[in-house]
Protein backbone atom coordinates (compact mmCIF):
# COMPACT_ATOMS: atom_id res chain seq x y z
CA MET A 1 60.47 116.01 82.81
CA ARG A 2 58.13 113.69 84.89
CA GLN A 3 59.27 112.29 88.34
CA LEU A 4 59.98 108.61 87.60
CA ARG A 5 59.45 105.98 90.76
CA ILE A 6 62.95 104.28 90.37
CA GLY A 7 64.13 100.77 92.27
CA VAL A 8 68.01 99.85 92.91
CA LEU A 9 68.54 96.75 93.63
CA ASP A 10 72.09 95.24 94.57
CA ILE A 11 72.44 91.70 94.14
CA VAL A 12 74.59 90.22 96.44
CA SER A 13 73.71 86.64 96.78
CA ARG A 14 72.93 84.70 93.32
CA GLY A 15 69.79 83.17 96.18
CA PRO A 16 68.52 82.55 99.25
CA THR A 17 70.55 81.38 101.91
CA ARG A 18 69.97 80.48 105.78
CA ALA A 19 73.72 79.81 105.94
CA TRP A 20 74.96 81.44 109.18
CA PHE A 21 78.30 83.13 107.78
CA PRO A 22 76.49 84.85 104.97
CA TRP A 23 74.15 86.11 107.62
CA ILE A 24 77.02 87.63 109.33
CA MET A 25 79.01 88.86 106.07
CA ASN A 26 77.08 89.28 103.04
CA ALA A 27 75.89 92.42 103.80
CA ASN A 28 79.46 93.80 104.08
CA MET A 29 79.74 92.37 100.63
CA ALA A 30 77.43 95.97 99.16
CA SER A 31 78.94 97.46 95.97
CA ILE A 32 79.41 101.13 95.97
CA MET A 33 77.63 101.95 92.43
CA PRO A 34 74.14 101.22 92.85
CA GLN A 35 74.69 103.47 96.08
CA ALA A 36 76.07 106.35 93.16
CA VAL A 37 73.23 105.32 90.75
CA ALA A 38 70.52 105.86 93.50
CA ALA A 39 72.32 109.43 94.51
CA TRP A 40 72.44 110.57 91.66
CA CYS A 41 68.48 109.51 90.75
CA GLN A 42 67.08 111.46 93.18
CA GLN A 43 69.84 114.31 92.71
CA GLU A 44 67.92 114.56 89.37
CA GLY A 45 64.22 115.06 91.76
CA HIS A 46 63.19 111.24 90.84
CA GLN A 47 61.73 108.91 93.70
CA VAL A 48 64.16 106.22 94.50
CA VAL A 49 63.44 102.76 96.67
CA PHE A 50 67.08 101.17 97.52
CA ALA A 51 67.28 97.50 98.50
CA CYS A 52 70.28 95.14 98.66
CA TYR A 53 69.47 91.43 98.27
CA THR A 54 71.89 89.43 100.81
CA GLY A 55 69.95 86.31 100.35
CA PHE A 56 67.91 86.30 103.39
CA GLU A 57 65.09 88.75 101.75
CA ASP A 58 62.09 87.47 99.77
CA LEU A 59 63.10 89.55 96.40
CA LEU A 60 59.84 88.81 94.77
CA LYS A 61 58.38 91.56 98.06
CA GLU A 62 61.58 93.53 98.44
CA LEU A 63 60.68 96.06 95.72
CA PRO A 64 57.14 97.57 95.18
CA ASP A 65 55.47 96.43 92.40
CA ASP A 66 54.68 100.26 91.15
CA LEU A 67 58.01 101.40 89.45
CA ASP A 68 58.81 102.76 86.30
CA LEU A 69 62.29 102.01 86.27
CA ILE A 70 64.60 99.73 88.08
CA PHE A 71 68.77 99.64 88.15
CA LEU A 72 69.90 95.92 88.71
CA SER A 73 73.73 95.58 89.69
CA THR A 74 75.02 91.97 89.85
CA PHE A 75 77.92 90.13 89.42
CA THR A 76 77.75 86.95 86.70
CA GLU A 77 77.38 84.55 88.70
CA ALA A 78 73.72 86.01 89.97
CA ALA A 79 73.09 86.89 86.37
CA GLN A 80 70.26 84.57 86.37
CA THR A 81 68.73 86.01 89.36
CA ALA A 82 68.87 89.29 87.69
CA TYR A 83 67.30 88.06 84.34
CA ALA A 84 64.40 86.55 86.64
CA LEU A 85 63.72 89.86 88.18
CA SER A 86 64.23 91.64 84.95
CA ASN A 87 61.23 89.60 83.64
CA LEU A 88 59.33 89.90 86.83
CA PHE A 89 59.65 93.88 86.38
CA ARG A 90 58.49 94.03 82.63
CA SER A 91 55.45 92.21 83.47
CA ARG A 92 54.43 94.80 86.20
CA GLY A 93 54.94 97.55 83.31
CA ALA A 94 58.55 98.60 84.49
CA ILE A 95 61.67 99.49 82.72
CA THR A 96 64.70 97.76 83.25
CA ALA A 97 68.55 98.34 83.01
CA LEU A 98 71.40 96.20 84.53
CA GLY A 99 74.86 97.69 85.61
CA GLY A 100 77.67 96.17 87.29
CA PRO A 101 80.45 93.32 86.80
CA HIS A 102 78.15 90.88 84.53
CA ALA A 103 76.66 94.24 82.21
CA ARG A 104 80.46 95.00 81.55
CA CYS A 105 81.58 91.15 80.76
CA PHE A 106 78.35 89.85 78.71
CA PRO A 107 76.78 93.04 77.63
CA HIS A 108 75.68 90.91 74.36
CA ASP A 109 73.52 88.50 76.42
CA ALA A 110 72.53 90.62 79.04
CA ARG A 111 70.49 93.03 76.13
CA LYS A 112 68.03 90.32 75.58
CA TYR A 113 66.77 90.79 78.62
CA PHE A 114 66.88 94.37 79.89
CA ASP A 115 66.14 97.66 78.46
CA TYR A 116 69.23 99.01 79.03
CA VAL A 117 72.44 97.51 79.65
CA PHE A 118 75.53 99.62 81.16
CA GLY A 119 79.12 99.84 80.39
CA PHE A 120 81.14 102.41 82.36
CA THR A 121 78.42 104.82 84.10
CA ASP A 122 78.85 109.11 84.88
CA ARG A 123 75.96 110.75 85.78
CA ASP A 124 75.75 111.95 81.83
CA THR A 125 75.11 109.12 80.89
CA LEU A 126 72.60 108.18 83.42
CA LYS A 127 70.62 110.87 83.01
CA SER A 128 70.63 110.10 79.15
CA VAL A 129 68.36 106.37 80.62
CA LEU A 130 66.40 109.01 82.80
CA ASP A 131 64.99 111.30 80.16
CA ASP A 132 64.68 108.75 77.57
CA CYS A 133 62.89 105.46 79.70
CA SER A 134 61.58 103.85 77.08
CA GLN A 135 61.20 100.09 75.65
CA HIS A 136 64.22 98.52 73.73
CA ARG A 137 62.89 95.04 72.95
CA PRO A 138 63.59 92.88 72.36
CA TYR A 139 67.24 93.81 72.15
CA GLY A 140 68.03 96.36 74.73
CA MET A 141 70.39 99.36 74.34
CA HIS A 142 73.84 99.58 75.20
CA VAL A 143 75.07 102.57 76.94
CA ALA A 144 78.20 103.98 78.06
CA ALA A 145 80.31 106.65 78.78
CA ALA A 146 83.89 106.72 77.10
CA GLN A 147 85.72 105.85 80.53
CA GLN A 148 85.31 105.92 84.49
CA PRO A 149 84.02 108.29 85.96
CA LYS A 150 85.98 111.39 87.20
CA ALA A 151 84.43 111.75 90.50
CA LEU A 152 81.29 109.49 92.50
CA PRO A 153 79.10 110.49 95.23
CA GLY A 154 80.45 110.82 98.35
CA LEU A 155 79.42 108.58 101.84
CA ARG A 156 77.59 111.49 102.63
CA GLU A 157 75.31 111.42 99.91
CA ARG A 158 75.48 107.61 99.55
CA TRP A 159 74.94 107.15 103.52
CA PRO A 160 71.14 107.24 103.57
CA PHE A 161 71.01 104.07 101.21
CA LEU A 162 74.55 102.42 102.36
CA GLU A 163 72.61 102.58 105.95
CA LEU A 164 70.12 100.20 104.85
CA VAL A 165 72.38 97.96 104.41
CA MET A 166 74.33 98.26 107.35
CA ASN A 167 71.38 98.13 109.46
CA LYS A 168 71.33 94.07 107.87
CA ALA A 169 75.15 93.67 109.22
CA PRO A 170 73.81 91.91 112.83
CA ILE A 171 77.54 92.10 114.52
CA ILE A 172 80.26 93.16 111.78
CA LYS A 173 79.84 96.34 109.93
CA ILE A 174 82.35 97.03 107.03
CA VAL A 175 81.94 100.48 104.79
CA PRO A 176 82.97 100.11 101.80
CA ILE A 177 85.26 102.85 100.31
CA ILE A 178 87.32 103.52 97.01
CA GLY A 179 90.26 106.15 96.30
CA SER A 180 90.73 104.77 92.68
CA LEU A 181 89.76 103.18 89.76
CA GLY A 182 91.72 101.68 87.27
CA CYS A 183 95.02 99.52 87.68
CA PRO A 184 98.92 100.80 85.94
CA TYR A 185 99.10 97.00 85.84
CA THR A 186 98.25 94.84 81.99
CA CYS A 187 97.81 91.36 83.42
CA SER A 188 96.36 90.28 80.30
CA PHE A 189 93.32 88.06 82.91
CA CYS A 190 91.89 91.49 84.84
CA ILE A 191 89.15 93.11 83.70
CA ASP A 192 90.98 96.01 84.87
CA SER A 193 94.38 95.95 82.86
CA THR A 194 93.17 98.73 80.20
CA ILE A 195 91.24 100.74 82.02
CA PRO A 196 93.63 103.81 82.96
CA TYR A 197 94.75 103.95 86.41
CA GLN A 198 92.99 107.24 88.32
CA PRO A 199 92.58 108.52 91.59
CA LEU A 200 89.83 110.10 92.80
CA GLU A 201 90.10 113.71 94.93
CA PHE A 202 91.73 113.27 98.35
CA GLU A 203 89.11 115.41 99.95
CA VAL A 204 85.95 113.75 99.20
CA LEU A 205 87.77 111.07 100.23
CA LYS A 206 88.65 112.75 103.72
CA ASP A 207 85.18 113.88 104.02
CA ASP A 208 84.24 110.28 104.04
CA LEU A 209 86.20 109.13 106.35
CA ARG A 210 85.20 112.16 108.73
CA PHE A 211 81.60 111.76 107.97
CA LEU A 212 82.12 107.60 108.88
CA LEU A 213 83.59 108.38 112.16
CA THR A 214 80.13 110.46 112.60
CA LYS A 215 78.45 107.17 112.75
CA TYR A 216 80.44 104.51 114.14
CA SER A 217 83.27 104.96 116.89
CA ARG A 218 85.39 101.75 116.00
CA PRO A 219 84.00 101.49 112.25
CA GLY A 220 85.32 99.09 109.80
CA VAL A 221 86.41 99.98 106.02
CA VAL A 222 86.85 97.89 103.00
CA TRP A 223 88.24 99.22 100.29
CA HIS A 224 87.06 98.55 96.60
CA ASP A 225 90.41 100.18 94.84
CA PRO A 226 91.09 97.41 92.44
CA ASN A 227 94.85 97.63 93.42
CA PHE A 228 94.93 99.80 96.82
CA GLY A 229 98.21 102.32 97.50
CA VAL A 230 99.11 102.87 93.95
CA ARG A 231 100.06 106.84 95.22
CA PHE A 232 100.57 105.08 98.38
CA ASP A 233 102.16 108.41 99.96
CA GLY A 234 99.06 110.93 98.62
CA ILE A 235 96.50 108.38 100.03
CA MET A 236 97.96 107.09 103.40
CA ALA A 237 98.39 111.26 104.26
CA ALA A 238 94.64 111.42 103.63
CA ILE A 239 93.95 108.95 105.99
CA GLU A 240 96.09 110.23 108.50
CA GLU A 241 94.59 113.66 108.65
CA ALA A 242 90.42 112.36 108.24
CA ASP A 243 92.03 109.92 111.39
CA PRO A 244 94.59 110.80 112.74
CA LYS A 245 94.07 108.73 116.32
CA ALA A 246 93.65 105.60 113.98
CA ARG A 247 89.95 104.64 114.83
CA ILE A 248 89.25 102.97 111.46
CA ARG A 249 89.90 99.36 110.67
CA HIS A 250 90.83 98.68 107.16
CA ILE A 251 90.81 96.12 104.75
CA ALA A 252 92.51 96.59 101.26
CA GLU A 253 93.03 94.41 98.06
CA SER A 254 96.87 95.21 96.93
CA SER A 255 99.85 94.16 95.27
CA LEU A 256 102.88 92.82 97.22
CA SER A 257 105.29 95.00 94.72
CA LEU A 258 103.48 97.92 97.10
CA LEU A 259 103.89 96.31 99.98
CA SER A 260 107.59 97.15 101.18
CA GLU A 261 108.14 97.15 104.80
CA PRO A 262 108.10 100.81 105.62
CA HIS A 263 104.74 100.92 103.69
CA LEU A 264 103.41 98.08 105.86
CA GLN A 265 104.54 99.96 109.06
CA ARG A 266 102.74 103.21 108.07
CA LEU A 267 99.54 100.42 107.03
CA LYS A 268 99.97 98.82 110.81
CA ARG A 269 100.31 102.78 112.60
CA ASN A 270 96.75 103.49 110.66
CA GLY A 271 94.59 100.69 111.62
CA PHE A 272 95.32 98.60 108.47
CA GLN A 273 94.06 94.97 109.55
CA GLY A 274 93.45 92.85 106.06
CA LEU A 275 95.15 92.67 103.01
CA LEU A 276 94.57 90.42 100.39
CA PRO A 277 97.72 90.53 97.78
CA GLY A 278 97.59 88.08 94.43
CA VAL A 279 99.82 85.72 94.06
CA GLU A 280 98.48 84.33 90.71
CA SER A 281 100.85 81.69 89.46
CA TRP A 282 104.26 80.08 90.46
CA TYR A 283 105.37 80.82 86.99
CA ASP A 284 103.69 83.74 85.78
CA MET A 285 102.71 87.04 87.25
CA GLY A 286 105.79 88.67 88.65
CA ASN A 287 105.33 91.92 88.23
CA LYS A 288 102.55 91.87 90.74
CA SER A 289 104.27 89.55 93.47
CA LYS A 290 107.67 91.73 92.69
CA THR A 291 109.20 88.39 92.06
CA GLY A 292 110.17 89.39 88.32
CA VAL A 293 111.45 86.11 86.28
CA ARG A 294 111.79 84.15 89.07
CA GLN A 295 109.58 80.88 89.10
CA GLY A 296 108.76 77.75 90.69
CA MET A 297 110.71 76.83 94.11
CA GLU A 298 112.68 80.16 94.19
CA LYS A 299 109.29 82.61 93.34
CA VAL A 300 107.34 80.11 96.22
CA ARG A 301 110.48 81.40 98.62
CA GLN A 302 110.59 84.69 98.00
CA VAL A 303 106.96 85.13 97.94
CA SER A 304 106.72 83.40 101.73
CA GLU A 305 109.43 85.18 103.17
CA HIS A 306 106.97 88.79 101.67
CA VAL A 307 103.69 87.46 102.94
CA ASN A 308 105.55 86.10 106.30
CA MET A 309 106.57 89.95 106.79
CA LEU A 310 103.26 91.35 105.80
CA LEU A 311 101.95 88.81 109.11
CA ARG A 312 104.02 91.05 111.07
CA TYR A 313 102.02 94.01 110.88
CA ILE A 314 99.00 93.26 109.64
CA PRO A 315 97.06 90.50 111.31
CA TYR A 316 95.06 89.22 108.33
CA VAL A 317 96.62 88.36 105.11
CA GLN A 318 94.58 86.38 102.12
CA THR A 319 96.98 85.07 99.15
CA ASN A 320 95.17 84.60 96.02
CA PHE A 321 95.53 81.79 93.38
CA VAL A 322 94.64 81.20 90.14
CA LEU A 323 94.41 77.46 89.33
CA GLY A 324 94.49 76.18 85.75
CA ILE A 325 96.49 78.99 83.74
CA ASP A 326 98.27 78.20 80.39
CA ALA A 327 101.95 78.51 82.17
CA ASP A 328 101.17 75.30 84.86
CA GLU A 329 101.92 72.07 83.64
CA GLY A 330 101.68 68.53 86.09
CA PRO A 331 101.59 68.62 89.58
CA GLU A 332 103.91 71.04 90.34
CA PRO A 333 102.13 74.16 90.37
CA PHE A 334 99.80 72.63 93.34
CA GLU A 335 102.87 70.69 95.47
CA LEU A 336 104.61 74.21 94.92
CA THR A 337 100.98 75.72 96.63
CA LYS A 338 101.19 73.31 99.46
CA ARG A 339 104.68 74.45 99.88
CA PHE A 340 104.28 77.63 99.89
CA LEU A 341 101.77 76.82 103.18
CA ASP A 342 103.65 75.04 104.82
CA LEU A 343 106.40 77.52 104.85
CA THR A 344 103.53 80.55 105.66
CA PRO A 345 100.96 79.12 108.22
CA GLY A 346 99.36 82.18 108.83
CA ALA A 347 98.15 83.36 105.36
CA PHE A 348 94.73 82.11 104.32
CA PRO A 349 95.05 80.92 100.70
CA GLY A 350 92.09 82.16 98.15
CA TYR A 351 91.93 79.70 94.77
CA SER A 352 90.20 80.53 91.93
CA LEU A 353 89.42 78.21 89.20
CA LEU A 354 90.58 80.05 85.61
CA THR A 355 87.59 81.44 84.53
CA ALA A 356 86.72 84.01 81.09
CA PHE A 357 84.27 86.20 81.92
CA GLY A 358 83.24 87.41 78.25
CA GLN A 359 84.74 90.45 77.44
CA ALA A 360 86.33 91.39 80.70
CA ALA A 361 90.09 90.91 79.76
CA PRO A 362 92.40 90.54 76.52
CA LEU A 363 93.39 87.26 77.42
CA ASN A 364 89.75 85.95 76.63
CA LEU A 365 89.54 86.96 72.82
CA GLU A 366 92.98 84.32 72.82
CA TYR A 367 90.71 81.75 74.70
CA GLN A 368 88.16 81.71 72.46
CA ARG A 369 89.81 82.14 69.00
CA ALA A 370 91.15 78.61 70.45
CA GLY A 371 87.91 77.21 70.58
CA ARG A 372 88.62 76.59 74.57
CA VAL A 373 85.55 78.55 76.25
CA LEU A 374 82.68 76.53 77.67
CA PRO A 375 79.45 77.30 77.84
CA PHE A 376 78.71 76.93 81.77
CA PRO A 377 75.61 78.65 82.75
CA PHE A 378 76.73 82.11 83.99
CA TYR A 379 75.51 81.34 87.74
CA PHE A 380 78.22 78.74 88.46
CA LEU A 381 81.32 81.19 87.13
CA ASN A 382 82.19 82.47 90.50
CA ASN A 383 85.90 81.03 90.15
CA ASN A 384 85.24 78.14 91.93
CA GLN A 385 81.87 75.87 90.80
CA ALA A 386 82.93 75.93 86.87
CA MET A 387 86.04 76.02 85.15
CA ASN A 388 84.80 77.47 81.64
CA VAL A 389 88.23 77.40 79.96
CA LYS A 390 89.31 74.02 78.62
CA PRO A 391 92.46 73.42 80.50
CA LYS A 392 96.03 73.79 78.02
CA ASN A 393 98.17 71.34 80.41
CA TYR A 394 96.00 69.09 82.13
CA GLU A 395 92.41 66.54 81.01
CA TRP A 396 90.25 67.11 83.07
CA THR A 397 90.40 64.09 85.55
CA LYS A 398 93.47 64.82 86.31
CA PHE A 399 93.01 68.62 86.69
CA TYR A 400 90.66 67.86 89.35
CA ASP A 401 92.69 65.28 91.45
CA HIS A 402 95.09 67.73 91.86
CA VAL A 403 92.46 70.79 92.83
CA ILE A 404 90.87 67.89 95.14
CA ASP A 405 94.25 67.56 96.48
CA LEU A 406 95.29 70.78 97.60
CA VAL A 407 91.86 71.76 98.43
CA GLY A 408 92.35 68.62 101.29
CA TYR A 409 95.45 69.56 102.42
CA THR A 410 94.55 73.24 102.82
CA PHE A 411 91.18 72.29 104.67
CA SER A 412 92.30 69.30 106.78
CA TRP A 413 92.52 70.26 110.14
CA ARG A 414 96.37 69.95 110.18
CA GLY A 415 96.33 72.98 107.99
CA ILE A 416 93.32 74.54 109.92
CA TRP A 417 95.52 73.96 113.27
CA ARG A 418 99.12 75.16 111.73
CA ARG A 419 96.92 78.21 109.86
CA LEU A 420 95.41 79.23 113.98
CA GLY A 421 98.88 79.06 115.26
CA GLY A 422 100.43 82.06 112.20
CA THR A 423 97.18 83.99 112.96
CA ALA A 424 97.66 86.96 115.61
CA GLY A 425 94.52 87.85 116.98
CA VAL A 426 90.99 86.23 118.05
CA ILE A 427 89.07 87.93 114.89
CA PRO A 428 91.03 86.58 112.58
CA LYS A 429 91.90 83.20 113.66
CA TRP A 430 88.02 82.79 113.71
CA MET A 431 87.96 83.90 110.40
CA ASN A 432 90.25 81.70 109.13
CA VAL A 433 88.59 78.07 111.20
CA VAL A 434 84.89 79.55 110.08
CA ARG A 435 85.99 80.21 106.26
CA ALA A 436 87.51 76.60 106.30
CA VAL A 437 84.56 74.25 107.77
CA SER A 438 82.23 76.23 105.51
CA THR A 439 81.48 76.07 101.92
CA GLU A 440 84.60 77.82 101.08
CA GLY A 441 86.86 75.37 102.28
CA TRP A 442 84.73 72.06 103.45
CA GLY A 443 82.08 72.86 101.14
CA ARG A 444 84.26 72.98 98.02
CA LEU A 445 85.93 70.01 98.57
CA ARG A 446 82.65 68.06 98.81
CA TYR A 447 81.60 69.76 95.73
CA TYR A 448 84.98 69.20 93.21
CA SER A 449 84.76 65.51 94.95
CA GLU A 450 81.39 65.11 93.52
CA ILE A 451 82.16 67.23 89.99
CA ARG A 452 85.38 64.48 89.79
CA ARG A 453 82.83 61.72 90.01
CA ARG A 454 80.41 62.47 87.86
CA LEU A 455 83.29 63.14 85.34
CA ASP A 456 83.65 59.14 85.55
CA ALA A 457 80.18 58.12 86.43
CA ASP A 458 77.92 60.69 84.91
CA PRO A 459 77.42 59.96 81.16
CA ALA A 460 76.44 63.64 80.20
CA PHE A 461 79.50 65.24 81.81
CA ARG A 462 82.65 64.18 79.58
CA PRO A 463 80.97 65.18 76.94
CA TYR A 464 79.92 68.33 77.76
CA PHE A 465 83.74 69.01 79.69
CA GLU A 466 85.49 67.94 76.05
CA GLN A 467 83.15 70.36 74.11
CA GLU A 468 81.94 67.28 72.17
CA SER A 469 78.01 67.95 73.27
CA THR A 470 76.39 71.08 74.20
CA VAL A 471 74.01 69.58 76.54
CA LEU A 472 73.88 70.73 79.71
CA PRO A 473 74.70 67.98 82.02
CA GLN A 474 70.85 67.65 84.43
CA PHE A 475 73.08 68.02 87.50
CA TYR A 476 74.13 71.63 86.86
CA ILE A 477 70.25 72.50 86.15
CA ASP A 478 69.03 71.01 89.40
CA LEU A 479 71.33 73.30 91.20
CA VAL A 480 69.87 76.45 89.47
CA ARG A 481 66.55 75.02 89.86
CA LYS A 482 66.94 74.55 93.61
CA ASP A 483 68.68 77.58 93.97
CA LEU A 484 66.76 80.22 92.69
CA GLY A 485 63.48 78.81 94.40
CA PRO A 486 60.40 80.63 93.21
CA LEU A 487 62.41 82.95 90.95
CA TRP A 488 62.81 79.92 88.83
CA ASP A 489 59.33 79.95 86.89
CA TRP A 490 60.42 83.73 85.85
CA LEU A 491 63.73 82.82 84.54
CA PRO A 492 63.20 83.92 80.39
CA GLU A 493 63.21 80.93 78.09
CA GLY A 494 66.57 80.12 76.65
CA ALA A 495 68.47 82.41 79.62
CA LEU A 496 70.05 79.20 81.20
CA TYR A 497 72.73 79.20 78.06
CA HIS A 498 74.66 81.99 76.33
CA ASP A 499 77.09 82.29 73.44
CA PRO A 500 80.51 82.05 74.96
CA TYR A 501 81.59 83.16 71.89
CA ALA A 502 79.78 86.60 71.31
CA TYR A 503 83.20 88.77 72.52
CA LEU A 504 85.49 86.96 69.41
CA LYS A 505 82.19 87.51 66.76
CA SER A 506 81.73 91.00 67.84
CA GLN A 507 85.02 91.84 67.29
CA GLN A 508 84.89 90.11 64.05
CA GLU A 509 81.85 91.87 63.02
CA ARG A 510 83.85 95.53 64.11
CA HIS A 511 86.95 94.52 62.38
CA GLY A 512 85.39 92.73 59.23
CA ALA A 513 87.23 89.86 59.99
CA VAL A 514 86.68 86.44 58.63
CA GLU A 515 88.71 84.42 60.85
CA HIS A 516 86.27 81.45 63.02
CA ALA A 517 87.22 80.08 66.26
CA ALA A 518 88.21 76.70 66.40
CA HIS A 519 85.09 74.50 67.51
CA ALA A 520 83.51 77.88 68.17
CA PRO A 521 79.30 77.25 67.36
CA SER A 522 77.08 79.72 65.66
CA ARG A 523 75.53 82.33 67.26
CA ASN A 524 72.71 80.65 68.55
CA GLY A 525 74.12 77.47 68.83
CA TYR A 526 74.78 77.26 72.91
CA ALA A 527 70.93 78.69 73.31
CA LYS A 528 69.70 75.11 71.93
CA SER A 529 69.46 71.83 74.08
CA SER A 530 67.47 68.92 74.16
CA GLN A 531 65.50 69.84 77.32
CA LYS A 532 62.52 72.61 77.29
CA LEU A 533 63.18 75.13 80.19
CA PRO A 534 60.76 77.41 82.04
CA ALA A 535 61.75 81.21 82.69
CA LEU A 536 65.11 81.78 84.92
CA GLU A 537 68.70 83.89 85.04
CA LEU A 538 71.07 86.04 87.49
CA ALA A 539 74.23 87.83 87.49
CA ALA A 540 81.16 91.73 91.52
CA SER A 541 86.70 93.84 92.49
């Protein structure tokens, strides 16, 4: 076996940035699997160069130009960046591989630009690629384990790579840890809904936390579990044994159904500082919010009471909502969210526009069968810049009117002041204010207002949104070109476009079906446009 010179790149930012909030926080968004892949490659005897792109590095200089093989990991919003980088490194003679959420969600498209595209990845699956390490073009090889790995490299093994990332975090350093894979819930919109829940070894977890305490006196940890605390007593006992003095500060995403008051008391004793529960909708998703069949204002009151209880124990709480789901109709869902904000001033609301990420979730097949999926470039599929599912119960203009009204209400000075008063602690208060006045608050309000204006004023917008045309409005092309900078020239021709019905077609081919999605184009239908584009493309719990 020859020793390979391998690069591993974790793409956190989809493009260059000079904003100060990403400067503080982007390094803390690093993913675990790129570090695991780097550790496994090193253990197989190969030379590894690891990098994390936070938006402040020169990507054209971040990795050496003499690599044999490069692994890129990315969320879908950075897919165009990853595609451009693959093209660049292929021009230098490297074999390229893609992993991460985009590879799982859109493997059919990614295979056009990579030699290998990974689904579930364990060490044996990785080793098969290392042993082969050959070109697979023009259509790459899809490689996947039968299930999620049973174990991952611990923090000691990952630390040489993670430390490079932590050194980029100038003020706040938050280390990624994971205690479980999969999820016991079956939310049809979720990428983890079909993956069996699997706790990882508690002994490895305890060693991770003990090791971390040798590196920082008061470290921060963000749990990458899809749903933290499913086996609550077991994982909390492991945390308590590894850190009996509660020196570690924790942030976790969990469901309200797991966050009873006794659990919250225990979380507080063990240094938990932030929780991110999902509410999603006032008319659906009652299992995770522990509201059962309650809907509308009745659910608002119950969730508000529950979240206010969270805030008595945990200083920072973000409640997550999905806007535009099929259960919503008229102004009421948006007005109910306003009432929730009034009743729960300390919670920071995270809003996501309904987005179908390829084959991430079973529900996406229903959207594709109904012909409701729009071919927005991956760059805009970050839950807020584009909604790629045509709303079931709203006209586009009316939907954006409601969104603008809600976001404006949320991030008005009155809303910011009330959230400031409802939040305990200096850092949580600071985070809430900064997020409100940054691109996440005021920035999104400006962006949504511009989309709404163009739905009336730009003649290319309405036909595209109504699926009467597949010609991407120039507004979106200009945004990608500007943000990608020098990488725009490396984007492969056609890589700004994809077939949003590839998942449905693959299922039809697998089962020999003859059904056709309403309005679904031919396999290459969305790769055609009146514009001739140069080379480009890029791609996250």
